[in-house]
C-alpha atoms as a PDB file:
ATOM      1  CA  UNK A   1       7.598 -12.492  23.517  1.00  0.00           C
ATOM      2  CA  UNK A   2       6.281 -14.776  20.852  1.00  0.00           C
ATOM      3  CA  UNK A   3       3.871 -12.916  17.912  1.00  0.00           C
ATOM      4  CA  UNK A   4       0.215 -14.477  18.105  1.00  0.00           C
ATOM      5  CA  UNK A   5      -2.307 -13.612  15.325  1.00  0.00           C
ATOM      6  CA  UNK A   6      -5.397 -11.986  17.108  1.00  0.00           C
ATOM      7  CA  UNK A   7      -8.264  -9.758  15.669  1.00  0.00           C
ATOM      8  CA  UNK A   8      -7.333  -5.911  16.062  1.00  0.00           C
ATOM      9  CA  UNK A   9      -9.201  -4.100  18.296  1.00  0.00           C
ATOM     10  CA  UNK A  10      -8.187  -0.662  17.046  1.00  0.00           C
ATOM     11  CA  UNK A  11      -7.719  -1.071  13.300  1.00  0.00           C
ATOM     12  CA  UNK A  12     -10.808  -2.652  12.153  1.00  0.00           C
ATOM     13  CA  UNK A  13     -13.508  -2.041   9.883  1.00  0.00           C
ATOM     14  CA  UNK A  14     -15.531  -4.882  10.108  1.00  0.00           C
ATOM     15  CA  UNK A  15     -14.304  -7.882  12.288  1.00  0.00           C
ATOM     16  CA  UNK A  16     -10.718  -6.728  12.424  1.00  0.00           C
ATOM     17  CA  UNK A  17      -9.557  -9.655  10.850  1.00  0.00           C
ATOM     18  CA  UNK A  18      -7.173  -7.641   8.213  1.00  0.00           C
ATOM     19  CA  UNK A  19      -6.176  -5.141  10.757  1.00  0.00           C
ATOM     20  CA  UNK A  20      -5.116  -8.262  12.719  1.00  0.00           C
ATOM     21  CA  UNK A  21      -3.069  -9.769   9.990  1.00  0.00           C
ATOM     22  CA  UNK A  22      -1.214  -6.151   9.246  1.00  0.00           C
ATOM     23  CA  UNK A  23      -0.205  -6.111  13.076  1.00  0.00           C
ATOM     24  CA  UNK A  24       0.965  -9.528  12.860  1.00  0.00           C
ATOM     25  CA  UNK A  25       2.966  -9.027   9.641  1.00  0.00           C
ATOM     26  CA  UNK A  26       4.229  -5.585  10.508  1.00  0.00           C
ATOM     27  CA  UNK A  27       2.710  -3.874   7.293  1.00  0.00           C
ATOM     28  CA  UNK A  28       0.394  -1.179   6.591  1.00  0.00           C
ATOM     29  CA  UNK A  29      -3.396  -2.529   7.132  1.00  0.00           C
ATOM     30  CA  UNK A  30      -4.535  -0.713   3.833  1.00  0.00           C
ATOM     31  CA  UNK A  31      -2.061  -3.056   1.915  1.00  0.00           C
ATOM     32  CA  UNK A  32      -3.733  -5.982   3.776  1.00  0.00           C
ATOM     33  CA  UNK A  33      -7.170  -4.999   2.576  1.00  0.00           C
ATOM     34  CA  UNK A  34      -5.965  -4.179  -1.030  1.00  0.00           C
ATOM     35  CA  UNK A  35      -4.619  -7.932  -1.361  1.00  0.00           C
ATOM     36  CA  UNK A  36      -7.628  -9.109   0.512  1.00  0.00           C
ATOM     37  CA  UNK A  37      -9.951  -7.528  -2.142  1.00  0.00           C
ATOM     38  CA  UNK A  38      -7.671  -8.400  -5.231  1.00  0.00           C
ATOM     39  CA  UNK A  39      -7.821 -11.865  -4.096  1.00  0.00           C
ATOM     40  CA  UNK A  40     -11.352 -12.241  -3.633  1.00  0.00           C
ATOM     41  CA  UNK A  41     -11.935 -10.958  -7.082  1.00  0.00           C
ATOM     42  CA  UNK A  42      -9.572 -13.261  -8.630  1.00  0.00           C
ATOM     43  CA  UNK A  43     -10.065 -16.398  -6.767  1.00  0.00           C
ATOM     44  CA  UNK A  44     -13.770 -15.803  -5.420  1.00  0.00           C
ATOM     45  CA  UNK A  45     -14.023 -17.198  -2.143  1.00  0.00           C
ATOM     46  CA  UNK A  46     -12.470 -13.956  -0.092  1.00  0.00           C
ATOM     47  CA  UNK A  47     -16.091 -12.931   1.799  1.00  0.00           C
ATOM     48  CA  UNK A  48     -16.434 -16.845   2.781  1.00  0.00           C
ATOM     49  CA  UNK A  49     -12.535 -16.652   4.000  1.00  0.00           C
ATOM     50  CA  UNK A  50     -13.035 -13.295   5.942  1.00  0.00           C
ATOM     51  CA  UNK A  51     -16.262 -14.923   7.898  1.00  0.00           C
ATOM     52  CA  UNK A  52     -14.115 -18.018   8.821  1.00  0.00           C
ATOM     53  CA  UNK A  53     -10.973 -16.025  10.060  1.00  0.00           C
ATOM     54  CA  UNK A  54     -13.423 -13.690  12.433  1.00  0.00           C
ATOM     55  CA  UNK A  55     -14.824 -16.853  13.612  1.00  0.00           C
ATOM     56  CA  UNK A  56     -11.413 -18.672  14.241  1.00  0.00           C
ATOM     57  CA  UNK A  57      -8.884 -15.913  15.113  1.00  0.00           C
ATOM     58  CA  UNK A  58      -9.079 -15.125  18.666  1.00  0.00           C
ATOM     59  CA  UNK A  59      -9.909 -11.835  20.002  1.00  0.00           C
ATOM     60  CA  UNK A  60      -6.480  -9.692  21.624  1.00  0.00           C
ATOM     61  CA  UNK A  61      -6.176 -10.508  25.261  1.00  0.00           C
ATOM     62  CA  UNK A  62      -5.980  -6.999  27.543  1.00  0.00           C
END
């Protein structure tokens, strides 16, 4: 079965972007969230990229 990046329906705080990435990469979602916040603080565009990901990444099909 081919893996597909989707928004998480079970592991989400806002839109499920980090939870979906964690499921896709098979890592803990807390690690993804910490990396996302750190990258946002260092490079600055994290919130905008998060919103774009929430719009672009499809929801998981049942």
